[in-house]
Amino acid sequence: MALKTFNIDEKVYKKFSNICKENGISMSKQVEFFMKAQTAEEKKVRKKFLDRLKKIRKGKFIKISDFSKEFRLE
């Protein structure tokens, strides 16, 4: 493991630190997990999700040119 230094906003750091402490998790591991997810070469998506998405895209839709005029809340 290597020790690294980052410049992080103090408010963000304190808030995240408190969340980690309250949940008994390691802040450095959470940062490592984030970095791994961002640098992963291949994002894996479940086939079931892709099939549902394909079905939704084939659905019947109505065309709306101006949402605010069509669905005015009064």
N, C-alpha and C. Protein backbone atom coordinates (compact mmCIF):
# COMPACT_ATOMS: atom_id res chain seq x y z
N MET A 1 0.84 -1.18 0.00
CA MET A 1 0.00 0.00 0.00
C MET A 1 0.88 1.24 0.00
N ALA A 2 0.37 2.27 -0.65
CA ALA A 2 1.09 3.53 -0.71
C ALA A 2 0.28 4.59 0.02
N LEU A 3 0.97 5.49 0.68
CA LEU A 3 0.32 6.59 1.36
C LEU A 3 0.24 7.75 0.39
N LYS A 4 -0.97 8.26 0.15
CA LYS A 4 -1.19 9.35 -0.80
C LYS A 4 -1.85 10.51 -0.08
N THR A 5 -1.66 11.70 -0.61
CA THR A 5 -2.25 12.90 -0.05
C THR A 5 -3.19 13.51 -1.08
N PHE A 6 -4.38 13.92 -0.63
CA PHE A 6 -5.37 14.53 -1.51
C PHE A 6 -5.85 15.83 -0.88
N ASN A 7 -6.21 16.78 -1.72
CA ASN A 7 -6.81 18.02 -1.25
C ASN A 7 -8.32 17.86 -1.36
N ILE A 8 -8.98 17.85 -0.22
CA ILE A 8 -10.43 17.63 -0.16
C ILE A 8 -11.05 18.74 0.68
N ASP A 9 -12.21 19.22 0.23
CA ASP A 9 -12.93 20.24 0.98
C ASP A 9 -13.17 19.75 2.40
N GLU A 10 -12.91 20.61 3.36
CA GLU A 10 -12.99 20.23 4.79
C GLU A 10 -14.39 19.76 5.18
N LYS A 11 -15.44 20.44 4.70
CA LYS A 11 -16.81 20.06 5.04
C LYS A 11 -17.15 18.68 4.49
N VAL A 12 -16.74 18.44 3.27
CA VAL A 12 -17.00 17.14 2.64
C VAL A 12 -16.27 16.04 3.40
N TYR A 13 -15.01 16.31 3.75
CA TYR A 13 -14.20 15.33 4.47
C TYR A 13 -14.85 14.99 5.82
N LYS A 14 -15.24 16.00 6.56
CA LYS A 14 -15.83 15.75 7.89
C LYS A 14 -17.14 14.98 7.78
N LYS A 15 -17.97 15.35 6.81
CA LYS A 15 -19.25 14.66 6.64
C LYS A 15 -19.02 13.19 6.27
N PHE A 16 -18.11 12.94 5.33
CA PHE A 16 -17.83 11.56 4.92
C PHE A 16 -17.18 10.78 6.05
N SER A 17 -16.30 11.44 6.79
CA SER A 17 -15.64 10.80 7.93
C SER A 17 -16.67 10.37 8.97
N ASN A 18 -17.63 11.23 9.26
CA ASN A 18 -18.68 10.89 10.23
C ASN A 18 -19.52 9.71 9.75
N ILE A 19 -19.86 9.71 8.46
CA ILE A 19 -20.64 8.60 7.91
C ILE A 19 -19.88 7.29 8.06
N CYS A 20 -18.59 7.33 7.75
CA CYS A 20 -17.76 6.12 7.88
C CYS A 20 -17.69 5.65 9.33
N LYS A 21 -17.50 6.59 10.26
CA LYS A 21 -17.42 6.23 11.68
C LYS A 21 -18.73 5.63 12.17
N GLU A 22 -19.86 6.27 11.79
CA GLU A 22 -21.17 5.79 12.23
C GLU A 22 -21.47 4.38 11.73
N ASN A 23 -20.95 4.06 10.55
CA ASN A 23 -21.23 2.76 9.94
C ASN A 23 -20.09 1.76 10.11
N GLY A 24 -19.04 2.17 10.82
CA GLY A 24 -17.92 1.27 11.09
C GLY A 24 -17.19 0.82 9.83
N ILE A 25 -17.03 1.74 8.89
CA ILE A 25 -16.32 1.38 7.65
C ILE A 25 -15.06 2.22 7.52
N SER A 26 -14.12 1.70 6.76
CA SER A 26 -12.84 2.37 6.55
C SER A 26 -12.96 3.40 5.44
N MET A 27 -12.63 4.64 5.75
CA MET A 27 -12.69 5.70 4.75
C MET A 27 -11.74 5.41 3.60
N SER A 28 -10.54 4.97 3.89
CA SER A 28 -9.57 4.72 2.83
C SER A 28 -10.03 3.59 1.91
N LYS A 29 -10.70 2.58 2.47
CA LYS A 29 -11.21 1.48 1.62
C LYS A 29 -12.32 1.99 0.71
N GLN A 30 -13.16 2.90 1.22
CA GLN A 30 -14.23 3.45 0.39
C GLN A 30 -13.65 4.24 -0.78
N VAL A 31 -12.59 5.00 -0.53
CA VAL A 31 -11.92 5.74 -1.60
C VAL A 31 -11.31 4.76 -2.60
N GLU A 32 -10.70 3.70 -2.10
CA GLU A 32 -10.11 2.69 -2.98
C GLU A 32 -11.17 2.01 -3.84
N PHE A 33 -12.31 1.66 -3.24
CA PHE A 33 -13.41 1.05 -4.01
C PHE A 33 -13.89 1.98 -5.11
N PHE A 34 -14.01 3.28 -4.77
CA PHE A 34 -14.44 4.27 -5.76
C PHE A 34 -13.45 4.33 -6.93
N MET A 35 -12.16 4.37 -6.60
CA MET A 35 -11.13 4.46 -7.65
C MET A 35 -11.13 3.22 -8.53
N LYS A 36 -11.31 2.05 -7.93
CA LYS A 36 -11.37 0.81 -8.71
C LYS A 36 -12.56 0.83 -9.65
N ALA A 37 -13.70 1.29 -9.17
CA ALA A 37 -14.91 1.33 -10.00
C ALA A 37 -14.72 2.30 -11.17
N GLN A 38 -14.04 3.41 -10.93
CA GLN A 38 -13.84 4.40 -11.98
C GLN A 38 -12.83 3.95 -13.02
N THR A 39 -11.92 3.08 -12.64
CA THR A 39 -10.88 2.65 -13.56
C THR A 39 -11.11 1.25 -14.14
N ALA A 40 -12.22 0.64 -13.79
CA ALA A 40 -12.53 -0.69 -14.31
C ALA A 40 -12.64 -0.63 -15.83
N GLU A 41 -12.05 -1.59 -16.50
CA GLU A 41 -12.05 -1.59 -17.96
C GLU A 41 -13.41 -1.93 -18.52
N GLU A 42 -14.12 -2.80 -17.86
CA GLU A 42 -15.40 -3.25 -18.39
C GLU A 42 -16.47 -3.14 -17.33
N LYS A 43 -17.49 -2.39 -17.64
CA LYS A 43 -18.63 -2.30 -16.73
C LYS A 43 -19.54 -3.48 -16.99
N LYS A 44 -19.86 -4.23 -15.97
CA LYS A 44 -20.71 -5.40 -16.13
C LYS A 44 -22.16 -5.03 -15.83
N VAL A 45 -23.02 -5.32 -16.77
CA VAL A 45 -24.44 -5.05 -16.60
C VAL A 45 -25.17 -6.38 -16.74
N ARG A 46 -26.11 -6.61 -15.85
CA ARG A 46 -26.83 -7.87 -15.89
C ARG A 46 -27.69 -7.97 -17.15
N LYS A 47 -27.72 -9.16 -17.74
CA LYS A 47 -28.49 -9.41 -18.94
C LYS A 47 -29.97 -9.11 -18.70
N LYS A 48 -30.47 -9.45 -17.53
CA LYS A 48 -31.87 -9.21 -17.20
C LYS A 48 -32.21 -7.72 -17.30
N PHE A 49 -31.33 -6.88 -16.82
CA PHE A 49 -31.54 -5.44 -16.91
C PHE A 49 -31.55 -4.98 -18.36
N LEU A 50 -30.60 -5.46 -19.15
CA LEU A 50 -30.53 -5.07 -20.55
C LEU A 50 -31.77 -5.51 -21.32
N ASP A 51 -32.29 -6.69 -21.02
CA ASP A 51 -33.51 -7.17 -21.67
C ASP A 51 -34.71 -6.28 -21.32
N ARG A 52 -34.83 -5.89 -20.06
CA ARG A 52 -35.92 -5.00 -19.65
C ARG A 52 -35.80 -3.64 -20.32
N LEU A 53 -34.57 -3.13 -20.42
CA LEU A 53 -34.34 -1.85 -21.06
C LEU A 53 -34.74 -1.90 -22.54
N LYS A 54 -34.39 -2.99 -23.20
CA LYS A 54 -34.74 -3.15 -24.61
C LYS A 54 -36.26 -3.16 -24.79
N LYS A 55 -36.97 -3.84 -23.89
CA LYS A 55 -38.42 -3.91 -23.95
C LYS A 55 -39.04 -2.53 -23.74
N ILE A 56 -38.51 -1.77 -22.80
CA ILE A 56 -39.01 -0.42 -22.55
C ILE A 56 -38.81 0.46 -23.77
N ARG A 57 -37.67 0.38 -24.40
CA ARG A 57 -37.37 1.20 -25.57
C ARG A 57 -38.30 0.91 -26.73
N LYS A 58 -38.84 -0.29 -26.80
CA LYS A 58 -39.74 -0.67 -27.89
C LYS A 58 -41.18 -0.28 -27.58
N GLY A 59 -41.43 0.29 -26.42
CA GLY A 59 -42.78 0.62 -25.98
C GLY A 59 -43.43 1.72 -26.80
N LYS A 60 -44.72 1.91 -26.59
CA LYS A 60 -45.47 2.95 -27.27
C LYS A 60 -45.35 4.24 -26.46
N PHE A 61 -44.99 5.30 -27.14
CA PHE A 61 -44.81 6.59 -26.49
C PHE A 61 -45.63 7.64 -27.20
N ILE A 62 -46.01 8.69 -26.46
CA ILE A 62 -46.70 9.81 -27.08
C ILE A 62 -45.71 10.95 -27.25
N LYS A 63 -45.82 11.66 -28.36
CA LYS A 63 -44.89 12.75 -28.62
C LYS A 63 -45.42 14.03 -27.96
N ILE A 64 -44.56 14.70 -27.22
CA ILE A 64 -44.91 15.94 -26.55
C ILE A 64 -43.89 16.97 -26.97
N SER A 65 -44.37 18.04 -27.58
CA SER A 65 -43.43 19.07 -28.06
C SER A 65 -43.03 20.04 -26.94
N ASP A 66 -43.98 20.38 -26.06
CA ASP A 66 -43.68 21.31 -24.98
C ASP A 66 -44.31 20.77 -23.70
N PHE A 67 -43.51 20.18 -22.86
CA PHE A 67 -43.98 19.52 -21.64
C PHE A 67 -44.74 20.49 -20.74
N SER A 68 -44.23 21.72 -20.60
CA SER A 68 -44.85 22.67 -19.68
C SER A 68 -46.26 23.07 -20.14
N LYS A 69 -46.49 23.10 -21.45
CA LYS A 69 -47.82 23.43 -21.96
C LYS A 69 -48.77 22.25 -21.84
N GLU A 70 -48.28 21.07 -22.08
CA GLU A 70 -49.09 19.86 -22.04
C GLU A 70 -49.52 19.48 -20.63
N PHE A 71 -48.60 19.69 -19.66
CA PHE A 71 -48.85 19.24 -18.29
C PHE A 71 -48.72 20.39 -17.31
N ARG A 72 -49.47 21.43 -17.54
CA ARG A 72 -49.44 22.61 -16.69
C ARG A 72 -50.11 22.27 -15.36
N LEU A 73 -49.42 22.55 -14.29
CA LEU A 73 -49.95 22.29 -12.95
C LEU A 73 -50.59 23.57 -12.43
N GLU A 74 -51.88 23.54 -12.25
CA GLU A 74 -52.58 24.73 -11.76
C GLU A 74 -53.45 24.38 -10.58
